[in-house]
C-alpha cells in the first residue's frame, strides 16, 4: 500500500494540486476539523458508498492516526481503486482545517 505523509499532502495542496481526499473518520470527529475539500465517508459506510467513487481517480485516505485509513485503503485497493494512505493521520496534520 502506498503511503504519504501529512506534510506531503499539505505541500501538494499549497502548490495548487487538486487532490481527492477521503476522510474515513466518524462525523463527530470530522466536526473538530477536516482537511479542506476532503469528502467524509465514515469507514463503516465505505462499502455502501463505493459507487460514489471513480476508479480513474487516485484517492488519499485520511483518519485520526492512519489505522482506519489503512483499512479503507486496503478495502478499496482490493476493488481496483488507486489509493494512498496518509500515515500519521490528522494527529500529525499541521495544515489548514475547516
PDB file of N, CA and C in Angstrom:
ATOM      1  N   UNK A   1       0.843  -1.188   0.000  1.00  0.00           N
ATOM      2  CA  UNK A   1       0.000   0.000   0.000  1.00  0.00           C
ATOM      3  C   UNK A   1       0.886   1.249   0.000  1.00  0.00           C
ATOM      4  N   UNK A   2       0.551   2.168  -0.877  1.00  0.00           N
ATOM      5  CA  UNK A   2       1.306   3.420  -0.946  1.00  0.00           C
ATOM      6  C   UNK A   2       0.989   4.274   0.278  1.00  0.00           C
ATOM      7  N   UNK A   3       2.007   5.017   0.734  1.00  0.00           N
ATOM      8  CA  UNK A   3       1.865   5.903   1.886  1.00  0.00           C
ATOM      9  C   UNK A   3       2.275   7.316   1.490  1.00  0.00           C
ATOM     10  N   UNK A   4       1.701   8.293   2.173  1.00  0.00           N
ATOM     11  CA  UNK A   4       2.082   9.688   2.001  1.00  0.00           C
ATOM     12  C   UNK A   4       2.012  10.333   3.384  1.00  0.00           C
ATOM     13  N   UNK A   5       2.887  11.276   3.648  1.00  0.00           N
ATOM     14  CA  UNK A   5       2.877  11.934   4.954  1.00  0.00           C
ATOM     15  C   UNK A   5       1.927  13.126   4.926  1.00  0.00           C
ATOM     16  N   UNK A   6       1.453  13.548   6.097  1.00  0.00           N
ATOM     17  CA  UNK A   6       0.612  14.745   6.145  1.00  0.00           C
ATOM     18  C   UNK A   6       1.313  15.966   5.546  1.00  0.00           C
ATOM     19  N   UNK A   7       2.624  16.107   5.778  1.00  0.00           N
ATOM     20  CA  UNK A   7       3.351  17.248   5.211  1.00  0.00           C
ATOM     21  C   UNK A   7       3.365  17.205   3.694  1.00  0.00           C
ATOM     22  N   UNK A   8       3.504  16.012   3.115  1.00  0.00           N
ATOM     23  CA  UNK A   8       3.491  15.891   1.658  1.00  0.00           C
ATOM     24  C   UNK A   8       2.122  16.262   1.087  1.00  0.00           C
ATOM     25  N   UNK A   9       1.062  15.843   1.768  1.00  0.00           N
ATOM     26  CA  UNK A   9      -0.301  16.199   1.330  1.00  0.00           C
ATOM     27  C   UNK A   9      -0.479  17.715   1.394  1.00  0.00           C
ATOM     28  N   UNK A  10      -0.044  18.317   2.495  1.00  0.00           N
ATOM     29  CA  UNK A  10      -0.175  19.762   2.656  1.00  0.00           C
ATOM     30  C   UNK A  10       0.620  20.503   1.581  1.00  0.00           C
ATOM     31  N   UNK A  11       1.839  20.043   1.290  1.00  0.00           N
ATOM     32  CA  UNK A  11       2.653  20.673   0.241  1.00  0.00           C
ATOM     33  C   UNK A  11       1.942  20.628  -1.107  1.00  0.00           C
ATOM     34  N   UNK A  12       1.317  19.489  -1.423  1.00  0.00           N
ATOM     35  CA  UNK A  12       0.591  19.350  -2.690  1.00  0.00           C
ATOM     36  C   UNK A  12      -0.588  20.325  -2.750  1.00  0.00           C
ATOM     37  N   UNK A  13      -1.314  20.457  -1.634  1.00  0.00           N
ATOM     38  CA  UNK A  13      -2.445  21.381  -1.599  1.00  0.00           C
ATOM     39  C   UNK A  13      -1.978  22.825  -1.745  1.00  0.00           C
ATOM     40  N   UNK A  14      -0.887  23.166  -1.046  1.00  0.00           N
ATOM     41  CA  UNK A  14      -0.368  24.532  -1.109  1.00  0.00           C
ATOM     42  C   UNK A  14       0.146  24.888  -2.499  1.00  0.00           C
ATOM     43  N   UNK A  15       0.599  23.881  -3.253  1.00  0.00           N
ATOM     44  CA  UNK A  15       1.093  24.143  -4.608  1.00  0.00           C
ATOM     45  C   UNK A  15      -0.051  24.208  -5.630  1.00  0.00           C
ATOM     46  N   UNK A  16      -1.279  24.012  -5.148  1.00  0.00           N
ATOM     47  CA  UNK A  16      -2.441  24.131  -6.030  1.00  0.00           C
ATOM     48  C   UNK A  16      -2.883  22.836  -6.671  1.00  0.00           C
ATOM     49  N   UNK A  17      -2.250  21.731  -6.280  1.00  0.00           N
ATOM     50  CA  UNK A  17      -2.623  20.437  -6.847  1.00  0.00           C
ATOM     51  C   UNK A  17      -4.024  20.042  -6.367  1.00  0.00           C
ATOM     52  N   UNK A  18      -4.825  19.492  -7.269  1.00  0.00           N
ATOM     53  CA  UNK A  18      -6.158  19.019  -6.907  1.00  0.00           C
ATOM     54  C   UNK A  18      -6.026  17.588  -6.399  1.00  0.00           C
ATOM     55  N   UNK A  19      -6.448  17.358  -5.164  1.00  0.00           N
ATOM     56  CA  UNK A  19      -6.356  16.036  -4.554  1.00  0.00           C
ATOM     57  C   UNK A  19      -7.753  15.516  -4.241  1.00  0.00           C
ATOM     58  N   UNK A  20      -7.914  14.212  -4.328  1.00  0.00           N
ATOM     59  CA  UNK A  20      -9.159  13.554  -3.947  1.00  0.00           C
ATOM     60  C   UNK A  20      -8.913  12.910  -2.585  1.00  0.00           C
ATOM     61  N   UNK A  21      -9.367  13.589  -1.545  1.00  0.00           N
ATOM     62  CA  UNK A  21      -9.113  13.141  -0.182  1.00  0.00           C
ATOM     63  C   UNK A  21     -10.405  12.606   0.411  1.00  0.00           C
ATOM     64  N   UNK A  22     -10.324  11.416   1.006  1.00  0.00           N
ATOM     65  CA  UNK A  22     -11.473  10.830   1.692  1.00  0.00           C
ATOM     66  C   UNK A  22     -11.115  10.668   3.163  1.00  0.00           C
ATOM     67  N   UNK A  23     -11.891  11.309   4.002  1.00  0.00           N
ATOM     68  CA  UNK A  23     -11.715  11.236   5.454  1.00  0.00           C
ATOM     69  C   UNK A  23     -12.672  10.167   5.972  1.00  0.00           C
ATOM     70  N   UNK A  24     -12.124   9.079   6.532  1.00  0.00           N
ATOM     71  CA  UNK A  24     -12.962   7.956   6.964  1.00  0.00           C
ATOM     72  C   UNK A  24     -13.304   8.004   8.457  1.00  0.00           C
ATOM     73  N   UNK A  25     -13.055   9.159   9.086  1.00  0.00           N
ATOM     74  CA  UNK A  25     -13.432   9.301  10.494  1.00  0.00           C
ATOM     75  C   UNK A  25     -14.950   9.443  10.622  1.00  0.00           C
ATOM     76  N   UNK A  26     -15.426   9.280  11.847  1.00  0.00           N
ATOM     77  CA  UNK A  26     -16.852   9.453  12.118  1.00  0.00           C
ATOM     78  C   UNK A  26     -17.215  10.938  12.016  1.00  0.00           C
ATOM     79  N   UNK A  27     -18.491  11.212  11.777  1.00  0.00           N
ATOM     80  CA  UNK A  27     -18.977  12.577  11.571  1.00  0.00           C
ATOM     81  C   UNK A  27     -18.591  13.490  12.733  1.00  0.00           C
ATOM     82  N   UNK A  28     -18.725  13.019  13.986  1.00  0.00           N
ATOM     83  CA  UNK A  28     -18.403  13.874  15.133  1.00  0.00           C
ATOM     84  C   UNK A  28     -16.909  14.196  15.196  1.00  0.00           C
ATOM     85  N   UNK A  29     -16.049  13.297  14.712  1.00  0.00           N
ATOM     86  CA  UNK A  29     -14.609  13.574  14.672  1.00  0.00           C
ATOM     87  C   UNK A  29     -14.300  14.633  13.621  1.00  0.00           C
ATOM     88  N   UNK A  30     -14.960  14.548  12.484  1.00  0.00           N
ATOM     89  CA  UNK A  30     -14.726  15.480  11.381  1.00  0.00           C
ATOM     90  C   UNK A  30     -15.154  16.888  11.771  1.00  0.00           C
ATOM     91  N   UNK A  31     -16.166  17.006  12.626  1.00  0.00           N
ATOM     92  CA  UNK A  31     -16.629  18.320  13.080  1.00  0.00           C
ATOM     93  C   UNK A  31     -15.532  19.091  13.804  1.00  0.00           C
ATOM     94  N   UNK A  32     -14.555  18.374  14.368  1.00  0.00           N
ATOM     95  CA  UNK A  32     -13.444  19.015  15.081  1.00  0.00           C
ATOM     96  C   UNK A  32     -12.443  19.636  14.117  1.00  0.00           C
ATOM     97  N   UNK A  33     -12.563  19.311  12.844  1.00  0.00           N
ATOM     98  CA  UNK A  33     -11.690  19.878  11.826  1.00  0.00           C
ATOM     99  C   UNK A  33     -11.312  18.845  10.783  1.00  0.00           C
ATOM    100  N   UNK A  34     -11.369  19.271   9.531  1.00  0.00           N
ATOM    101  CA  UNK A  34     -11.004  18.368   8.440  1.00  0.00           C
ATOM    102  C   UNK A  34     -10.159  19.128   7.430  1.00  0.00           C
ATOM    103  N   UNK A  35      -9.457  18.380   6.604  1.00  0.00           N
ATOM    104  CA  UNK A  35      -8.669  18.980   5.537  1.00  0.00           C
ATOM    105  C   UNK A  35      -9.661  19.580   4.533  1.00  0.00           C
ATOM    106  N   UNK A  36      -9.451  20.839   4.137  1.00  0.00           N
ATOM    107  CA  UNK A  36     -10.357  21.442   3.155  1.00  0.00           C
ATOM    108  C   UNK A  36     -10.472  20.561   1.913  1.00  0.00           C
ATOM    109  N   UNK A  37     -11.650  20.446   1.387  1.00  0.00           N
ATOM    110  CA  UNK A  37     -12.027  19.659   0.200  1.00  0.00           C
ATOM    111  C   UNK A  37     -12.160  18.164   0.471  1.00  0.00           C
ATOM    112  N   UNK A  38     -11.822  17.694   1.669  1.00  0.00           N
ATOM    113  CA  UNK A  38     -11.932  16.254   1.957  1.00  0.00           C
ATOM    114  C   UNK A  38     -13.394  15.836   2.007  1.00  0.00           C
ATOM    115  N   UNK A  39     -13.671  14.685   1.421  1.00  0.00           N
ATOM    116  CA  UNK A  39     -15.004  14.092   1.443  1.00  0.00           C
ATOM    117  C   UNK A  39     -15.067  13.155   2.642  1.00  0.00           C
ATOM    118  N   UNK A  40     -16.084  13.305   3.485  1.00  0.00           N
ATOM    119  CA  UNK A  40     -16.220  12.428   4.648  1.00  0.00           C
ATOM    120  C   UNK A  40     -17.089  11.227   4.300  1.00  0.00           C
ATOM    121  N   UNK A  41     -16.471  10.043   4.362  1.00  0.00           N
ATOM    122  CA  UNK A  41     -17.189   8.779   4.247  1.00  0.00           C
ATOM    123  C   UNK A  41     -16.701   7.911   5.399  1.00  0.00           C
ATOM    124  N   UNK A  42     -17.451   7.845   6.511  1.00  0.00           N
ATOM    125  CA  UNK A  42     -17.007   7.024   7.636  1.00  0.00           C
ATOM    126  C   UNK A  42     -16.684   5.598   7.198  1.00  0.00           C
ATOM    127  N   UNK A  43     -15.649   5.021   7.794  1.00  0.00           N
ATOM    128  CA  UNK A  43     -15.181   3.698   7.404  1.00  0.00           C
ATOM    129  C   UNK A  43     -16.314   2.684   7.328  1.00  0.00           C
ATOM    130  N   UNK A  44     -17.217   2.692   8.295  1.00  0.00           N
ATOM    131  CA  UNK A  44     -18.316   1.735   8.320  1.00  0.00           C
ATOM    132  C   UNK A  44     -19.301   1.882   7.167  1.00  0.00           C
ATOM    133  N   UNK A  45     -19.273   3.024   6.491  1.00  0.00           N
ATOM    134  CA  UNK A  45     -20.197   3.266   5.368  1.00  0.00           C
ATOM    135  C   UNK A  45     -19.518   3.137   4.013  1.00  0.00           C
ATOM    136  N   UNK A  46     -18.205   2.933   4.008  1.00  0.00           N
ATOM    137  CA  UNK A  46     -17.449   2.939   2.754  1.00  0.00           C
ATOM    138  C   UNK A  46     -17.974   1.924   1.740  1.00  0.00           C
ATOM    139  N   UNK A  47     -18.242   0.700   2.182  1.00  0.00           N
ATOM    140  CA  UNK A  47     -18.703  -0.308   1.221  1.00  0.00           C
ATOM    141  C   UNK A  47     -20.067   0.040   0.631  1.00  0.00           C
ATOM    142  N   UNK A  48     -20.872   0.818   1.372  1.00  0.00           N
ATOM    143  CA  UNK A  48     -22.205   1.190   0.882  1.00  0.00           C
ATOM    144  C   UNK A  48     -22.171   2.420  -0.017  1.00  0.00           C
ATOM    145  N   UNK A  49     -21.061   3.186   0.049  1.00  0.00           N
ATOM    146  CA  UNK A  49     -20.954   4.410  -0.757  1.00  0.00           C
ATOM    147  C   UNK A  49     -19.880   4.305  -1.842  1.00  0.00           C
ATOM    148  N   UNK A  50     -19.370   3.102  -2.059  1.00  0.00           N
ATOM    149  CA  UNK A  50     -18.284   2.894  -3.018  1.00  0.00           C
ATOM    150  C   UNK A  50     -18.670   3.346  -4.425  1.00  0.00           C
ATOM    151  N   UNK A  51     -19.954   3.310  -4.750  1.00  0.00           N
ATOM    152  CA  UNK A  51     -20.406   3.722  -6.086  1.00  0.00           C
ATOM    153  C   UNK A  51     -20.200   5.214  -6.317  1.00  0.00           C
ATOM    154  N   UNK A  52     -19.961   5.996  -5.259  1.00  0.00           N
ATOM    155  CA  UNK A  52     -19.703   7.429  -5.404  1.00  0.00           C
ATOM    156  C   UNK A  52     -18.281   7.709  -5.884  1.00  0.00           C
ATOM    157  N   UNK A  53     -17.417   6.684  -5.855  1.00  0.00           N
ATOM    158  CA  UNK A  53     -16.008   6.864  -6.197  1.00  0.00           C
ATOM    159  C   UNK A  53     -15.733   6.479  -7.640  1.00  0.00           C
ATOM    160  N   UNK A  54     -14.689   7.058  -8.199  1.00  0.00           N
ATOM    161  CA  UNK A  54     -14.323   6.883  -9.599  1.00  0.00           C
ATOM    162  C   UNK A  54     -12.981   6.144  -9.668  1.00  0.00           C
ATOM    163  N   UNK A  55     -12.966   4.980 -10.299  1.00  0.00           N
ATOM    164  CA  UNK A  55     -11.746   4.177 -10.374  1.00  0.00           C
ATOM    165  C   UNK A  55     -10.644   4.847 -11.193  1.00  0.00           C
ATOM    166  N   UNK A  56     -10.975   5.860 -11.967  1.00  0.00           N
ATOM    167  CA  UNK A  56      -9.944   6.541 -12.753  1.00  0.00           C
ATOM    168  C   UNK A  56      -9.185   7.584 -11.927  1.00  0.00           C
ATOM    169  N   UNK A  57      -9.677   7.872 -10.720  1.00  0.00           N
ATOM    170  CA  UNK A  57      -9.029   8.866  -9.855  1.00  0.00           C
ATOM    171  C   UNK A  57      -8.203   8.168  -8.781  1.00  0.00           C
ATOM    172  N   UNK A  58      -7.231   8.915  -8.247  1.00  0.00           N
ATOM    173  CA  UNK A  58      -6.439   8.418  -7.118  1.00  0.00           C
ATOM    174  C   UNK A  58      -6.958   9.104  -5.854  1.00  0.00           C
ATOM    175  N   UNK A  59      -7.132   8.321  -4.799  1.00  0.00           N
ATOM    176  CA  UNK A  59      -7.677   8.842  -3.551  1.00  0.00           C
ATOM    177  C   UNK A  59      -6.645   8.770  -2.435  1.00  0.00           C
ATOM    178  N   UNK A  60      -6.627   9.809  -1.609  1.00  0.00           N
ATOM    179  CA  UNK A  60      -5.800   9.820  -0.403  1.00  0.00           C
ATOM    180  C   UNK A  60      -6.745   9.586   0.761  1.00  0.00           C
ATOM    181  N   UNK A  61      -6.465   8.523   1.524  1.00  0.00           N
ATOM    182  CA  UNK A  61      -7.321   8.141   2.640  1.00  0.00           C
ATOM    183  C   UNK A  61      -6.769   8.740   3.938  1.00  0.00           C
ATOM    184  N   UNK A  62      -7.670   9.319   4.744  1.00  0.00           N
ATOM    185  CA  UNK A  62      -7.285  10.016   5.970  1.00  0.00           C
ATOM    186  C   UNK A  62      -8.160   9.573   7.129  1.00  0.00           C
ATOM    187  N   UNK A  63      -7.561   9.440   8.306  1.00  0.00           N
ATOM    188  CA  UNK A  63      -8.326   9.225   9.541  1.00  0.00           C
ATOM    189  C   UNK A  63      -7.591   9.930  10.683  1.00  0.00           C
ATOM    190  N   UNK A  64      -7.836   9.532  11.912  1.00  0.00           N
ATOM    191  CA  UNK A  64      -7.221  10.196  13.052  1.00  0.00           C
ATOM    192  C   UNK A  64      -5.724   9.917  13.143  1.00  0.00           C
ATOM    193  N   UNK A  65      -5.333   8.626  13.006  1.00  0.00           N
ATOM    194  CA  UNK A  65      -3.924   8.268  13.195  1.00  0.00           C
ATOM    195  C   UNK A  65      -3.320   7.456  12.059  1.00  0.00           C
ATOM    196  N   UNK A  66      -4.117   7.003  11.116  1.00  0.00           N
ATOM    197  CA  UNK A  66      -3.615   6.235   9.984  1.00  0.00           C
ATOM    198  C   UNK A  66      -4.065   4.786   9.945  1.00  0.00           C
ATOM    199  N   UNK A  67      -4.664   4.297  11.024  1.00  0.00           N
ATOM    200  CA  UNK A  67      -5.114   2.905  11.078  1.00  0.00           C
ATOM    201  C   UNK A  67      -6.364   2.630  10.260  1.00  0.00           C
ATOM    202  N   UNK A  68      -7.417   3.387  10.533  1.00  0.00           N
ATOM    203  CA  UNK A  68      -8.672   3.197   9.787  1.00  0.00           C
ATOM    204  C   UNK A  68      -8.487   3.524   8.313  1.00  0.00           C
ATOM    205  N   UNK A  69      -7.719   4.560   8.038  1.00  0.00           N
ATOM    206  CA  UNK A  69      -7.495   4.910   6.627  1.00  0.00           C
ATOM    207  C   UNK A  69      -6.701   3.812   5.927  1.00  0.00           C
ATOM    208  N   UNK A  70      -5.824   3.126   6.661  1.00  0.00           N
ATOM    209  CA  UNK A  70      -5.099   1.992   6.089  1.00  0.00           C
ATOM    210  C   UNK A  70      -6.040   0.855   5.739  1.00  0.00           C
ATOM    211  N   UNK A  71      -7.006   0.584   6.626  1.00  0.00           N
ATOM    212  CA  UNK A  71      -8.006  -0.457   6.343  1.00  0.00           C
ATOM    213  C   UNK A  71      -8.868  -0.060   5.143  1.00  0.00           C
ATOM    214  N   UNK A  72      -9.240   1.225   5.090  1.00  0.00           N
ATOM    215  CA  UNK A  72     -10.047   1.716   3.965  1.00  0.00           C
ATOM    216  C   UNK A  72      -9.265   1.606   2.659  1.00  0.00           C
ATOM    217  N   UNK A  73      -7.986   1.946   2.708  1.00  0.00           N
ATOM    218  CA  UNK A  73      -7.150   1.862   1.509  1.00  0.00           C
ATOM    219  C   UNK A  73      -7.045   0.419   1.030  1.00  0.00           C
ATOM    220  N   UNK A  74      -6.847  -0.511   1.954  1.00  0.00           N
ATOM    221  CA  UNK A  74      -6.768  -1.932   1.580  1.00  0.00           C
ATOM    222  C   UNK A  74      -8.075  -2.404   0.959  1.00  0.00           C
ATOM    223  N   UNK A  75      -9.190  -1.996   1.555  1.00  0.00           N
ATOM    224  CA  UNK A  75     -10.515  -2.360   1.045  1.00  0.00           C
ATOM    225  C   UNK A  75     -10.681  -1.868  -0.391  1.00  0.00           C
ATOM    226  N   UNK A  76     -10.363  -0.590  -0.627  1.00  0.00           N
ATOM    227  CA  UNK A  76     -10.543  -0.016  -1.960  1.00  0.00           C
ATOM    228  C   UNK A  76      -9.546  -0.590  -2.963  1.00  0.00           C
ATOM    229  N   UNK A  77      -8.307  -0.802  -2.528  1.00  0.00           N
ATOM    230  CA  UNK A  77      -7.301  -1.409  -3.405  1.00  0.00           C
ATOM    231  C   UNK A  77      -7.766  -2.773  -3.906  1.00  0.00           C
ATOM    232  N   UNK A  78      -8.370  -3.534  -3.009  1.00  0.00           N
ATOM    233  CA  UNK A  78      -8.875  -4.852  -3.357  1.00  0.00           C
ATOM    234  C   UNK A  78     -10.013  -4.818  -4.355  1.00  0.00           C
ATOM    235  N   UNK A  79     -10.588  -3.649  -4.556  1.00  0.00           N
ATOM    236  CA  UNK A  79     -11.681  -3.486  -5.512  1.00  0.00           C
ATOM    237  C   UNK A  79     -11.256  -2.673  -6.726  1.00  0.00           C
ATOM    238  N   UNK A  80      -9.948  -2.552  -6.911  1.00  0.00           N
ATOM    239  CA  UNK A  80      -9.429  -1.932  -8.119  1.00  0.00           C
ATOM    240  C   UNK A  80      -9.233  -0.431  -8.098  1.00  0.00           C
ATOM    241  N   UNK A  81      -9.304   0.190  -6.919  1.00  0.00           N
ATOM    242  CA  UNK A  81      -9.107   1.637  -6.817  1.00  0.00           C
ATOM    243  C   UNK A  81      -7.641   1.968  -6.576  1.00  0.00           C
ATOM    244  N   UNK A  82      -7.239   3.171  -7.013  1.00  0.00           N
ATOM    245  CA  UNK A  82      -5.891   3.682  -6.755  1.00  0.00           C
ATOM    246  C   UNK A  82      -5.966   4.524  -5.487  1.00  0.00           C
ATOM    247  N   UNK A  83      -5.271   4.084  -4.452  1.00  0.00           N
ATOM    248  CA  UNK A  83      -5.361   4.769  -3.160  1.00  0.00           C
ATOM    249  C   UNK A  83      -3.986   4.929  -2.521  1.00  0.00           C
ATOM    250  N   UNK A  84      -3.885   5.950  -1.674  1.00  0.00           N
ATOM    251  CA  UNK A  84      -2.687   6.212  -0.880  1.00  0.00           C
ATOM    252  C   UNK A  84      -3.165   6.469   0.545  1.00  0.00           C
ATOM    253  N   UNK A  85      -2.491   5.872   1.517  1.00  0.00           N
ATOM    254  CA  UNK A  85      -2.829   6.093   2.921  1.00  0.00           C
ATOM    255  C   UNK A  85      -1.993   7.245   3.467  1.00  0.00           C
ATOM    256  N   UNK A  86      -2.653   8.212   4.134  1.00  0.00           N
ATOM    257  CA  UNK A  86      -1.914   9.288   4.796  1.00  0.00           C
ATOM    258  C   UNK A  86      -1.489   8.799   6.173  1.00  0.00           C
ATOM    259  N   UNK A  87      -0.212   8.430   6.285  1.00  0.00           N
ATOM    260  CA  UNK A  87       0.316   7.908   7.542  1.00  0.00           C
ATOM    261  C   UNK A  87       0.328   9.010   8.606  1.00  0.00           C
ATOM    262  N   UNK A  88       0.046   8.629   9.832  1.00  0.00           N
ATOM    263  CA  UNK A  88       0.024   9.609  10.920  1.00  0.00           C
ATOM    264  C   UNK A  88      -1.301  10.309  11.093  1.00  0.00           C
ATOM    265  N   UNK A  89      -2.117  10.328  10.044  1.00  0.00           N
ATOM    266  CA  UNK A  89      -3.462  10.888  10.118  1.00  0.00           C
ATOM    267  C   UNK A  89      -3.519  12.337  10.564  1.00  0.00           C
ATOM    268  N   UNK A  90      -4.687  12.717  11.052  1.00  0.00           N
ATOM    269  CA  UNK A  90      -4.935  14.096  11.464  1.00  0.00           C
ATOM    270  C   UNK A  90      -4.136  14.473  12.711  1.00  0.00           C
ATOM    271  N   UNK A  91      -3.678  13.480  13.470  1.00  0.00           N
ATOM    272  CA  UNK A  91      -2.840  13.786  14.632  1.00  0.00           C
ATOM    273  C   UNK A  91      -1.553  14.497  14.217  1.00  0.00           C
ATOM    274  N   UNK A  92      -1.076  14.205  13.000  1.00  0.00           N
ATOM    275  CA  UNK A  92       0.165  14.818  12.523  1.00  0.00           C
ATOM    276  C   UNK A  92      -0.075  15.923  11.502  1.00  0.00           C
ATOM    277  N   UNK A  93      -1.336  16.234  11.220  1.00  0.00           N
ATOM    278  CA  UNK A  93      -1.675  17.263  10.242  1.00  0.00           C
ATOM    279  C   UNK A  93      -1.389  18.645  10.816  1.00  0.00           C
ATOM    280  N   UNK A  94      -0.601  19.442  10.105  1.00  0.00           N
ATOM    281  CA  UNK A  94      -0.279  20.798  10.557  1.00  0.00           C
ATOM    282  C   UNK A  94      -0.846  21.846   9.605  1.00  0.00           C
ATOM    283  N   UNK A  95      -1.530  21.403   8.566  1.00  0.00           N
ATOM    284  CA  UNK A  95      -2.083  22.327   7.579  1.00  0.00           C
ATOM    285  C   UNK A  95      -3.411  22.914   8.028  1.00  0.00           C
ATOM    286  N   UNK A  96      -4.021  23.629   7.109  1.00  0.00           N
ATOM    287  CA  UNK A  96      -5.297  24.301   7.368  1.00  0.00           C
ATOM    288  C   UNK A  96      -6.414  23.274   7.557  1.00  0.00           C
ATOM    289  N   UNK A  97      -7.338  23.576   8.441  1.00  0.00           N
ATOM    290  CA  UNK A  97      -8.521  22.752   8.638  1.00  0.00           C
ATOM    291  C   UNK A  97      -9.756  23.633   8.535  1.00  0.00           C
ATOM    292  N   UNK A  98     -10.867  22.986   8.237  1.00  0.00           N
ATOM    293  CA  UNK A  98     -12.144  23.721   8.205  1.00  0.00           C
ATOM    294  C   UNK A  98     -13.174  22.961   8.990  1.00  0.00           C
TER     295      UNK A  98
END
